[in-house]
PDB file of all heavy atoms in Angstrom:
ATOM      1  N   LYS A   1       6.690  12.817  26.127  1.00  0.00           N
ATOM      2  CA  LYS A   1       5.674  13.197  25.139  1.00  0.00           C
ATOM      3  C   LYS A   1       6.272  13.293  23.744  1.00  0.00           C
ATOM      4  O   LYS A   1       5.667  12.859  22.769  1.00  0.00           O
ATOM      5  CB  LYS A   1       5.009  14.511  25.536  1.00  0.00           C
ATOM      6  CG  LYS A   1       4.068  14.379  26.696  1.00  0.00           C
ATOM      7  CD  LYS A   1       3.365  15.672  26.997  1.00  0.00           C
ATOM      8  CE  LYS A   1       2.425  15.497  28.193  1.00  0.00           C
ATOM      9  NZ  LYS A   1       1.705  16.721  28.492  1.00  0.00           N
ATOM     10  N   ILE A   2       7.477  13.858  23.672  1.00  0.00           N
ATOM     11  CA  ILE A   2       8.158  13.936  22.366  1.00  0.00           C
ATOM     12  C   ILE A   2       8.427  12.528  21.850  1.00  0.00           C
ATOM     13  O   ILE A   2       8.196  12.224  20.674  1.00  0.00           O
ATOM     14  CB  ILE A   2       9.469  14.744  22.478  1.00  0.00           C
ATOM     15  CG1 ILE A   2       9.161  16.217  22.684  1.00  0.00           C
ATOM     16  CG2 ILE A   2      10.315  14.560  21.226  1.00  0.00           C
ATOM     17  CD1 ILE A   2      10.377  17.082  22.900  1.00  0.00           C
ATOM     18  N   GLY A   3       8.901  11.662  22.701  1.00  0.00           N
ATOM     19  CA  GLY A   3       9.174  10.273  22.315  1.00  0.00           C
ATOM     20  C   GLY A   3       7.913   9.566  21.860  1.00  0.00           C
ATOM     21  O   GLY A   3       7.908   8.843  20.855  1.00  0.00           O
ATOM     22  N   GLU A   4       6.815   9.752  22.585  1.00  0.00           N
ATOM     23  CA  GLU A   4       5.542   9.143  22.199  1.00  0.00           C
ATOM     24  C   GLU A   4       5.066   9.692  20.854  1.00  0.00           C
ATOM     25  O   GLU A   4       4.574   8.938  20.004  1.00  0.00           O
ATOM     26  CB  GLU A   4       4.491   9.401  23.275  1.00  0.00           C
ATOM     27  CG  GLU A   4       4.679   8.590  24.531  1.00  0.00           C
ATOM     28  CD  GLU A   4       3.651   8.934  25.602  1.00  0.00           C
ATOM     29  OE1 GLU A   4       2.577   9.488  25.261  1.00  0.00           O
ATOM     30  OE2 GLU A   4       3.919   8.640  26.775  1.00  0.00           O
ATOM     31  N   THR A   5       5.199  11.002  20.669  1.00  0.00           N
ATOM     32  CA  THR A   5       4.781  11.628  19.409  1.00  0.00           C
ATOM     33  C   THR A   5       5.595  11.077  18.244  1.00  0.00           C
ATOM     34  O   THR A   5       5.041  10.728  17.192  1.00  0.00           O
ATOM     35  CB  THR A   5       4.940  13.160  19.487  1.00  0.00           C
ATOM     36  OG1 THR A   5       4.155  13.648  20.567  1.00  0.00           O
ATOM     37  CG2 THR A   5       4.506  13.818  18.200  1.00  0.00           C
ATOM     38  N   ILE A   6       6.897  10.962  18.432  1.00  0.00           N
ATOM     39  CA  ILE A   6       7.759  10.423  17.381  1.00  0.00           C
ATOM     40  C   ILE A   6       7.388   8.973  17.092  1.00  0.00           C
ATOM     41  O   ILE A   6       7.274   8.568  15.926  1.00  0.00           O
ATOM     42  CB  ILE A   6       9.246  10.555  17.771  1.00  0.00           C
ATOM     43  CG1 ILE A   6       9.655  12.033  17.756  1.00  0.00           C
ATOM     44  CG2 ILE A   6      10.131   9.733  16.844  1.00  0.00           C
ATOM     45  CD1 ILE A   6      11.042  12.306  18.317  1.00  0.00           C
ATOM     46  N   SER A   7       7.147   8.194  18.119  1.00  0.00           N
ATOM     47  CA  SER A   7       6.757   6.789  17.925  1.00  0.00           C
ATOM     48  C   SER A   7       5.428   6.681  17.200  1.00  0.00           C
ATOM     49  O   SER A   7       5.271   5.869  16.283  1.00  0.00           O
ATOM     50  CB  SER A   7       6.651   6.074  19.273  1.00  0.00           C
ATOM     51  OG  SER A   7       7.898   5.970  19.878  1.00  0.00           O
ATOM     52  N   THR A   8       4.473   7.519  17.596  1.00  0.00           N
ATOM     53  CA  THR A   8       3.156   7.501  16.961  1.00  0.00           C
ATOM     54  C   THR A   8       3.265   7.868  15.486  1.00  0.00           C
ATOM     55  O   THR A   8       2.693   7.203  14.615  1.00  0.00           O
ATOM     56  CB  THR A   8       2.192   8.472  17.680  1.00  0.00           C
ATOM     57  OG1 THR A   8       2.068   8.067  19.046  1.00  0.00           O
ATOM     58  CG2 THR A   8       0.831   8.480  17.025  1.00  0.00           C
ATOM     59  N   LYS A   9       3.995   8.929  15.204  1.00  0.00           N
ATOM     60  CA  LYS A   9       4.159   9.364  13.808  1.00  0.00           C
ATOM     61  C   LYS A   9       4.900   8.312  12.988  1.00  0.00           C
ATOM     62  O   LYS A   9       4.562   8.082  11.825  1.00  0.00           O
ATOM     63  CB  LYS A   9       4.895  10.710  13.741  1.00  0.00           C
ATOM     64  CG  LYS A   9       4.110  11.860  14.329  1.00  0.00           C
ATOM     65  CD  LYS A   9       2.801  12.055  13.593  1.00  0.00           C
ATOM     66  CE  LYS A   9       1.994  13.173  14.224  1.00  0.00           C
ATOM     67  NZ  LYS A   9       0.681  13.313  13.654  1.00  0.00           N
ATOM     68  N   SER A  10       5.890   7.663  13.593  1.00  0.00           N
ATOM     69  CA  SER A  10       6.625   6.606  12.887  1.00  0.00           C
ATOM     70  C   SER A  10       5.696   5.455  12.525  1.00  0.00           C
ATOM     71  O   SER A  10       5.751   4.928  11.413  1.00  0.00           O
ATOM     72  CB  SER A  10       7.768   6.079  13.750  1.00  0.00           C
ATOM     73  OG  SER A  10       8.735   7.068  13.954  1.00  0.00           O
ATOM     74  N   ARG A  11       4.838   5.065  13.472  1.00  0.00           N
ATOM     75  CA  ARG A  11       3.873   3.995  13.193  1.00  0.00           C
ATOM     76  C   ARG A  11       2.907   4.407  12.090  1.00  0.00           C
ATOM     77  O   ARG A  11       2.584   3.606  11.203  1.00  0.00           O
ATOM     78  CB  ARG A  11       3.105   3.626  14.459  1.00  0.00           C
ATOM     79  CG  ARG A  11       3.847   2.680  15.374  1.00  0.00           C
ATOM     80  CD  ARG A  11       2.952   2.096  16.464  1.00  0.00           C
ATOM     81  NE  ARG A  11       2.380   3.135  17.340  1.00  0.00           N
ATOM     82  CZ  ARG A  11       2.966   3.633  18.415  1.00  0.00           C
ATOM     83  NH1 ARG A  11       4.163   3.205  18.763  1.00  0.00           N
ATOM     84  NH2 ARG A  11       2.379   4.548  19.146  1.00  0.00           N
ATOM     85  N   GLU A  12       2.460   5.659  12.132  1.00  0.00           N
ATOM     86  CA  GLU A  12       1.535   6.141  11.099  1.00  0.00           C
ATOM     87  C   GLU A  12       2.188   6.112   9.722  1.00  0.00           C
ATOM     88  O   GLU A  12       1.570   5.692   8.740  1.00  0.00           O
ATOM     89  CB  GLU A  12       1.065   7.560  11.434  1.00  0.00           C
ATOM     90  CG  GLU A  12       0.115   7.640  12.602  1.00  0.00           C
ATOM     91  CD  GLU A  12      -0.222   9.086  12.997  1.00  0.00           C
ATOM     92  OE1 GLU A  12       0.202  10.027  12.293  1.00  0.00           O
ATOM     93  OE2 GLU A  12      -0.901   9.261  14.020  1.00  0.00           O
ATOM     94  N   VAL A  13       3.441   6.550   9.656  1.00  0.00           N
ATOM     95  CA  VAL A  13       4.162   6.535   8.377  1.00  0.00           C
ATOM     96  C   VAL A  13       4.356   5.098   7.902  1.00  0.00           C
ATOM     97  O   VAL A  13       4.154   4.790   6.717  1.00  0.00           O
ATOM     98  CB  VAL A  13       5.522   7.267   8.514  1.00  0.00           C
ATOM     99  CG1 VAL A  13       6.412   7.017   7.313  1.00  0.00           C
ATOM    100  CG2 VAL A  13       5.300   8.762   8.718  1.00  0.00           C
ATOM    101  N   THR A  14       4.716   4.215   8.804  1.00  0.00           N
ATOM    102  CA  THR A  14       4.899   2.808   8.451  1.00  0.00           C
ATOM    103  C   THR A  14       3.587   2.196   7.959  1.00  0.00           C
ATOM    104  O   THR A  14       3.566   1.483   6.952  1.00  0.00           O
ATOM    105  CB  THR A  14       5.429   2.011   9.661  1.00  0.00           C
ATOM    106  OG1 THR A  14       6.669   2.581  10.078  1.00  0.00           O
ATOM    107  CG2 THR A  14       5.628   0.557   9.330  1.00  0.00           C
ATOM    108  N   ASP A  15       2.494   2.493   8.651  1.00  0.00           N
ATOM    109  CA  ASP A  15       1.190   1.972   8.243  1.00  0.00           C
ATOM    110  C   ASP A  15       0.792   2.499   6.868  1.00  0.00           C
ATOM    111  O   ASP A  15       0.288   1.750   6.030  1.00  0.00           O
ATOM    112  CB  ASP A  15       0.117   2.340   9.274  1.00  0.00           C
ATOM    113  CG  ASP A  15       0.268   1.573  10.583  1.00  0.00           C
ATOM    114  OD1 ASP A  15       1.011   0.560  10.596  1.00  0.00           O
ATOM    115  OD2 ASP A  15      -0.349   1.994  11.582  1.00  0.00           O
ATOM    116  N   LYS A  16       1.043   3.771   6.638  1.00  0.00           N
ATOM    117  CA  LYS A  16       0.719   4.344   5.326  1.00  0.00           C
ATOM    118  C   LYS A  16       1.564   3.710   4.229  1.00  0.00           C
ATOM    119  O   LYS A  16       1.073   3.440   3.137  1.00  0.00           O
ATOM    120  CB  LYS A  16       0.891   5.854   5.341  1.00  0.00           C
ATOM    121  CG  LYS A  16      -0.174   6.563   6.124  1.00  0.00           C
ATOM    122  CD  LYS A  16      -0.377   7.962   5.620  1.00  0.00           C
ATOM    123  CE  LYS A  16      -1.372   8.665   6.510  1.00  0.00           C
ATOM    124  NZ  LYS A  16      -2.698   8.654   5.978  1.00  0.00           N
ATOM    125  N   ALA A  17       2.825   3.469   4.514  1.00  0.00           N
ATOM    126  CA  ALA A  17       3.708   2.825   3.533  1.00  0.00           C
ATOM    127  C   ALA A  17       3.217   1.415   3.225  1.00  0.00           C
ATOM    128  O   ALA A  17       3.203   0.994   2.063  1.00  0.00           O
ATOM    129  CB  ALA A  17       5.140   2.794   4.053  1.00  0.00           C
ATOM    130  N   LYS A  18       2.799   0.677   4.263  1.00  0.00           N
ATOM    131  CA  LYS A  18       2.254  -0.669   4.047  1.00  0.00           C
ATOM    132  C   LYS A  18       0.987  -0.603   3.206  1.00  0.00           C
ATOM    133  O   LYS A  18       0.787  -1.414   2.295  1.00  0.00           O
ATOM    134  CB  LYS A  18       1.958  -1.348   5.381  1.00  0.00           C
ATOM    135  CG  LYS A  18       3.181  -1.806   6.131  1.00  0.00           C
ATOM    136  CD  LYS A  18       2.798  -2.444   7.461  1.00  0.00           C
ATOM    137  CE  LYS A  18       4.007  -2.827   8.268  1.00  0.00           C
ATOM    138  NZ  LYS A  18       3.646  -3.376   9.588  1.00  0.00           N
ATOM    139  N   ASP A  19       0.112   0.372   3.508  1.00  0.00           N
ATOM    140  CA  ASP A  19      -1.123   0.531   2.739  1.00  0.00           C
ATOM    141  C   ASP A  19      -0.817   0.843   1.284  1.00  0.00           C
ATOM    142  O   ASP A  19      -1.437   0.283   0.370  1.00  0.00           O
ATOM    143  CB  ASP A  19      -1.997   1.643   3.328  1.00  0.00           C
ATOM    144  CG  ASP A  19      -2.632   1.262   4.655  1.00  0.00           C
ATOM    145  OD1 ASP A  19      -2.596   0.068   5.012  1.00  0.00           O
ATOM    146  OD2 ASP A  19      -3.163   2.169   5.330  1.00  0.00           O
ATOM    147  N   MET A  20       0.146   1.743   1.056  1.00  0.00           N
ATOM    148  CA  MET A  20       0.503   2.105  -0.314  1.00  0.00           C
ATOM    149  C   MET A  20       1.069   0.903  -1.064  1.00  0.00           C
ATOM    150  O   MET A  20       0.758   0.698  -2.243  1.00  0.00           O
ATOM    151  CB  MET A  20       1.493   3.269  -0.309  1.00  0.00           C
ATOM    152  CG  MET A  20       0.867   4.580   0.135  1.00  0.00           C
ATOM    153  SD  MET A  20       2.045   5.939   0.298  1.00  0.00           S
ATOM    154  CE  MET A  20       2.647   6.063  -1.372  1.00  0.00           C
ATOM    155  N   ALA A  21       1.878   0.105  -0.392  1.00  0.00           N
ATOM    156  CA  ALA A  21       2.438  -1.093  -1.018  1.00  0.00           C
ATOM    157  C   ALA A  21       1.329  -2.083  -1.361  1.00  0.00           C
ATOM    158  O   ALA A  21       1.332  -2.683  -2.447  1.00  0.00           O
ATOM    159  CB  ALA A  21       3.472  -1.739  -0.101  1.00  0.00           C
ATOM    160  N   GLU A  22       0.370  -2.240  -0.459  1.00  0.00           N
ATOM    161  CA  GLU A  22      -0.736  -3.165  -0.720  1.00  0.00           C
ATOM    162  C   GLU A  22      -1.588  -2.676  -1.884  1.00  0.00           C
ATOM    163  O   GLU A  22      -1.985  -3.458  -2.746  1.00  0.00           O
ATOM    164  CB  GLU A  22      -1.600  -3.333   0.533  1.00  0.00           C
ATOM    165  CG  GLU A  22      -2.700  -4.362   0.342  1.00  0.00           C
ATOM    166  CD  GLU A  22      -3.513  -4.617   1.601  1.00  0.00           C
ATOM    167  OE1 GLU A  22      -3.261  -3.964   2.633  1.00  0.00           O
ATOM    168  OE2 GLU A  22      -4.413  -5.467   1.526  1.00  0.00           O
ATOM    169  N   VAL A  23      -1.851  -1.365  -1.929  1.00  0.00           N
ATOM    170  CA  VAL A  23      -2.631  -0.799  -3.034  1.00  0.00           C
ATOM    171  C   VAL A  23      -1.897  -1.011  -4.352  1.00  0.00           C
ATOM    172  O   VAL A  23      -2.500  -1.401  -5.361  1.00  0.00           O
ATOM    173  CB  VAL A  23      -2.927   0.698  -2.787  1.00  0.00           C
ATOM    174  CG1 VAL A  23      -3.431   1.374  -4.048  1.00  0.00           C
ATOM    175  CG2 VAL A  23      -3.930   0.868  -1.656  1.00  0.00           C
ATOM    176  N   ALA A  24      -0.589  -0.787  -4.357  1.00  0.00           N
ATOM    177  CA  ALA A  24       0.194  -0.999  -5.578  1.00  0.00           C
ATOM    178  C   ALA A  24       0.120  -2.460  -6.011  1.00  0.00           C
ATOM    179  O   ALA A  24      -0.036  -2.758  -7.201  1.00  0.00           O
ATOM    180  CB  ALA A  24       1.636  -0.579  -5.356  1.00  0.00           C
ATOM    181  N   ASN A  25       0.208  -3.371  -5.064  1.00  0.00           N
ATOM    182  CA  ASN A  25       0.110  -4.788  -5.371  1.00  0.00           C
ATOM    183  C   ASN A  25      -1.259  -5.124  -5.952  1.00  0.00           C
ATOM    184  O   ASN A  25      -1.370  -5.840  -6.951  1.00  0.00           O
ATOM    185  CB  ASN A  25       0.375  -5.609  -4.103  1.00  0.00           C
ATOM    186  CG  ASN A  25       0.308  -7.093  -4.350  1.00  0.00           C
ATOM    187  OD1 ASN A  25      -0.745  -7.630  -4.676  1.00  0.00           O
ATOM    188  ND2 ASN A  25       1.440  -7.765  -4.193  1.00  0.00           N
ATOM    189  N   LEU A  26      -2.312  -4.602  -5.341  1.00  0.00           N
ATOM    190  CA  LEU A  26      -3.674  -4.869  -5.825  1.00  0.00           C
ATOM    191  C   LEU A  26      -3.889  -4.283  -7.215  1.00  0.00           C
ATOM    192  O   LEU A  26      -4.516  -4.910  -8.076  1.00  0.00           O
ATOM    193  CB  LEU A  26      -4.706  -4.312  -4.839  1.00  0.00           C
ATOM    194  CG  LEU A  26      -4.724  -5.006  -3.470  1.00  0.00           C
ATOM    195  CD1 LEU A  26      -5.615  -4.238  -2.501  1.00  0.00           C
ATOM    196  CD2 LEU A  26      -5.175  -6.439  -3.592  1.00  0.00           C
ATOM    197  N   LYS A  27      -3.341  -3.096  -7.456  1.00  0.00           N
ATOM    198  CA  LYS A  27      -3.449  -2.498  -8.792  1.00  0.00           C
ATOM    199  C   LYS A  27      -2.729  -3.347  -9.830  1.00  0.00           C
ATOM    200  O   LYS A  27      -3.195  -3.498 -10.956  1.00  0.00           O
ATOM    201  CB  LYS A  27      -2.904  -1.072  -8.792  1.00  0.00           C
ATOM    202  CG  LYS A  27      -3.837  -0.086  -8.148  1.00  0.00           C
ATOM    203  CD  LYS A  27      -3.315   1.337  -8.268  1.00  0.00           C
ATOM    204  CE  LYS A  27      -4.312   2.320  -7.702  1.00  0.00           C
ATOM    205  NZ  LYS A  27      -3.886   3.714  -7.907  1.00  0.00           N
ATOM    206  N   GLY A  28      -1.597  -3.921  -9.444  1.00  0.00           N
ATOM    207  CA  GLY A  28      -0.883  -4.825 -10.341  1.00  0.00           C
ATOM    208  C   GLY A  28      -1.712  -6.056 -10.670  1.00  0.00           C
ATOM    209  O   GLY A  28      -1.752  -6.511 -11.817  1.00  0.00           O
ATOM    210  N   GLN A  29      -2.396  -6.585  -9.675  1.00  0.00           N
ATOM    211  CA  GLN A  29      -3.265  -7.740  -9.903  1.00  0.00           C
ATOM    212  C   GLN A  29      -4.439  -7.369 -10.810  1.00  0.00           C
ATOM    213  O   GLN A  29      -4.830  -8.157 -11.684  1.00  0.00           O
ATOM    214  CB  GLN A  29      -3.773  -8.285  -8.577  1.00  0.00           C
ATOM    215  CG  GLN A  29      -2.685  -8.947  -7.742  1.00  0.00           C
ATOM    216  CD  GLN A  29      -3.210  -9.462  -6.423  1.00  0.00           C
ATOM    217  OE1 GLN A  29      -4.300 -10.018  -6.356  1.00  0.00           O
ATOM    218  NE2 GLN A  29      -2.438  -9.271  -5.357  1.00  0.00           N
ATOM    219  N   ILE A  30      -4.990  -6.176 -10.613  1.00  0.00           N
ATOM    220  CA  ILE A  30      -6.087  -5.705 -11.474  1.00  0.00           C
ATOM    221  C   ILE A  30      -5.593  -5.596 -12.910  1.00  0.00           C
ATOM    222  O   ILE A  30      -6.276  -6.031 -13.851  1.00  0.00           O
ATOM    223  CB  ILE A  30      -6.633  -4.356 -10.981  1.00  0.00           C
ATOM    224  CG1 ILE A  30      -7.409  -4.554  -9.675  1.00  0.00           C
ATOM    225  CG2 ILE A  30      -7.510  -3.685 -12.039  1.00  0.00           C
ATOM    226  CD1 ILE A  30      -7.780  -3.257  -8.970  1.00  0.00           C
ATOM    227  N   HIS A  31      -4.401  -5.040 -13.104  1.00  0.00           N
ATOM    228  CA  HIS A  31      -3.832  -4.906 -14.451  1.00  0.00           C
ATOM    229  C   HIS A  31      -3.650  -6.280 -15.102  1.00  0.00           C
ATOM    230  O   HIS A  31      -3.949  -6.453 -16.289  1.00  0.00           O
ATOM    231  CB  HIS A  31      -2.505  -4.157 -14.377  1.00  0.00           C
ATOM    232  CG  HIS A  31      -1.863  -3.930 -15.693  1.00  0.00           C
ATOM    233  ND1 HIS A  31      -2.367  -3.047 -16.617  1.00  0.00           N
ATOM    234  CD2 HIS A  31      -0.785  -4.501 -16.267  1.00  0.00           C
ATOM    235  CE1 HIS A  31      -1.617  -3.087 -17.698  1.00  0.00           C
ATOM    236  NE2 HIS A  31      -0.642  -3.962 -17.507  1.00  0.00           N
ATOM    237  N   THR A  32      -3.194  -7.243 -14.327  1.00  0.00           N
ATOM    238  CA  THR A  32      -3.035  -8.601 -14.849  1.00  0.00           C
ATOM    239  C   THR A  32      -4.385  -9.171 -15.288  1.00  0.00           C
ATOM    240  O   THR A  32      -4.486  -9.773 -16.369  1.00  0.00           O
ATOM    241  CB  THR A  32      -2.399  -9.514 -13.781  1.00  0.00           C
ATOM    242  OG1 THR A  32      -1.107  -8.995 -13.447  1.00  0.00           O
ATOM    243  CG2 THR A  32      -2.277 -10.947 -14.262  1.00  0.00           C
ATOM    244  N   CYS A  33      -5.416  -8.963 -14.484  1.00  0.00           N
ATOM    245  CA  CYS A  33      -6.761  -9.433 -14.846  1.00  0.00           C
ATOM    246  C   CYS A  33      -7.244  -8.752 -16.118  1.00  0.00           C
ATOM    247  O   CYS A  33      -7.825  -9.399 -16.997  1.00  0.00           O
ATOM    248  CB  CYS A  33      -7.746  -9.173 -13.707  1.00  0.00           C
ATOM    249  SG  CYS A  33      -7.464 -10.211 -12.256  1.00  0.00           S
ATOM    250  N   GLU A  34      -7.008  -7.449 -16.233  1.00  0.00           N
ATOM    251  CA  GLU A  34      -7.411  -6.720 -17.435  1.00  0.00           C
ATOM    252  C   GLU A  34      -6.697  -7.261 -18.668  1.00  0.00           C
ATOM    253  O   GLU A  34      -7.305  -7.401 -19.738  1.00  0.00           O
ATOM    254  CB  GLU A  34      -7.123  -5.226 -17.271  1.00  0.00           C
ATOM    255  CG  GLU A  34      -8.024  -4.537 -16.282  1.00  0.00           C
ATOM    256  CD  GLU A  34      -7.615  -3.113 -15.957  1.00  0.00           C
ATOM    257  OE1 GLU A  34      -6.437  -2.740 -16.183  1.00  0.00           O
ATOM    258  OE2 GLU A  34      -8.482  -2.366 -15.468  1.00  0.00           O
ATOM    259  N   ASP A  35      -5.412  -7.594 -18.535  1.00  0.00           N
ATOM    260  CA  ASP A  35      -4.664  -8.176 -19.650  1.00  0.00           C
ATOM    261  C   ASP A  35      -5.252  -9.516 -20.070  1.00  0.00           C
ATOM    262  O   ASP A  35      -5.391  -9.795 -21.263  1.00  0.00           O
ATOM    263  CB  ASP A  35      -3.189  -8.367 -19.279  1.00  0.00           C
ATOM    264  CG  ASP A  35      -2.401  -7.076 -19.305  1.00  0.00           C
ATOM    265  OD1 ASP A  35      -2.890  -6.068 -19.848  1.00  0.00           O
ATOM    266  OD2 ASP A  35      -1.264  -7.078 -18.771  1.00  0.00           O
ATOM    267  N   VAL A  36      -5.590 -10.341 -19.087  1.00  0.00           N
ATOM    268  CA  VAL A  36      -6.191 -11.646 -19.386  1.00  0.00           C
ATOM    269  C   VAL A  36      -7.502 -11.449 -20.137  1.00  0.00           C
ATOM    270  O   VAL A  36      -7.762 -12.120 -21.147  1.00  0.00           O
ATOM    271  CB  VAL A  36      -6.413 -12.466 -18.094  1.00  0.00           C
ATOM    272  CG1 VAL A  36      -7.297 -13.670 -18.344  1.00  0.00           C
ATOM    273  CG2 VAL A  36      -5.079 -12.888 -17.496  1.00  0.00           C
ATOM    274  N   ILE A  37      -8.322 -10.525 -19.667  1.00  0.00           N
ATOM    275  CA  ILE A  37      -9.613 -10.260 -20.306  1.00  0.00           C
ATOM    276  C   ILE A  37      -9.409  -9.777 -21.738  1.00  0.00           C
ATOM    277  O   ILE A  37     -10.061 -10.267 -22.668  1.00  0.00           O
ATOM    278  CB  ILE A  37     -10.430  -9.243 -19.484  1.00  0.00           C
ATOM    279  CG1 ILE A  37     -10.872  -9.877 -18.163  1.00  0.00           C
ATOM    280  CG2 ILE A  37     -11.628  -8.725 -20.278  1.00  0.00           C
ATOM    281  CD1 ILE A  37     -11.417  -8.881 -17.149  1.00  0.00           C
ATOM    282  N   ARG A  38      -8.483  -8.817 -21.935  1.00  0.00           N
ATOM    283  CA  ARG A  38      -8.224  -8.293 -23.288  1.00  0.00           C
ATOM    284  C   ARG A  38      -7.777  -9.413 -24.225  1.00  0.00           C
ATOM    285  O   ARG A  38      -8.241  -9.502 -25.374  1.00  0.00           O
ATOM    286  CB  ARG A  38      -7.152  -7.205 -23.238  1.00  0.00           C
ATOM    287  CG  ARG A  38      -7.682  -5.797 -23.183  1.00  0.00           C
ATOM    288  CD  ARG A  38      -6.588  -4.763 -23.402  1.00  0.00           C
ATOM    289  NE  ARG A  38      -5.546  -4.788 -22.401  1.00  0.00           N
ATOM    290  CZ  ARG A  38      -5.638  -4.227 -21.205  1.00  0.00           C
ATOM    291  NH1 ARG A  38      -6.727  -3.594 -20.858  1.00  0.00           N
ATOM    292  NH2 ARG A  38      -4.634  -4.297 -20.351  1.00  0.00           N
ATOM    293  N   LYS A  39      -6.872 -10.263 -23.740  1.00  0.00           N
ATOM    294  CA  LYS A  39      -6.367 -11.354 -24.579  1.00  0.00           C
ATOM    295  C   LYS A  39      -7.480 -12.334 -24.935  1.00  0.00           C
ATOM    296  O   LYS A  39      -7.559 -12.812 -26.070  1.00  0.00           O
ATOM    297  CB  LYS A  39      -5.221 -12.078 -23.875  1.00  0.00           C
ATOM    298  CG  LYS A  39      -3.947 -11.260 -23.834  1.00  0.00           C
ATOM    299  CD  LYS A  39      -2.856 -11.952 -23.043  1.00  0.00           C
ATOM    300  CE  LYS A  39      -1.628 -11.077 -22.936  1.00  0.00           C
ATOM    301  NZ  LYS A  39      -0.589 -11.657 -22.084  1.00  0.00           N
ATOM    302  N   ARG A  40      -8.333 -12.635 -23.976  1.00  0.00           N
ATOM    303  CA  ARG A  40      -9.426 -13.575 -24.241  1.00  0.00           C
ATOM    304  C   ARG A  40     -10.447 -12.969 -25.205  1.00  0.00           C
ATOM    305  O   ARG A  40     -10.976 -13.675 -26.068  1.00  0.00           O
ATOM    306  CB  ARG A  40     -10.101 -14.014 -22.940  1.00  0.00           C
ATOM    307  CG  ARG A  40      -9.215 -14.856 -22.078  1.00  0.00           C
ATOM    308  CD  ARG A  40      -8.744 -16.080 -22.838  1.00  0.00           C
ATOM    309  NE  ARG A  40      -7.897 -16.884 -21.984  1.00  0.00           N
ATOM    310  CZ  ARG A  40      -7.215 -17.917 -22.403  1.00  0.00           C
ATOM    311  NH1 ARG A  40      -7.284 -18.290 -23.653  1.00  0.00           N
ATOM    312  NH2 ARG A  40      -6.466 -18.581 -21.578  1.00  0.00           N
TER     313      ARG A  40
END
């Protein structure tokens, strides 16, 4: 049970880290679009 709990929590942390990285990437893309719009 301890092993399963540790594995589950590790997966949750990994998934959250992936989500945060994806959100950061998407925010970067949004910023790039905003820059293009401002320049135009």
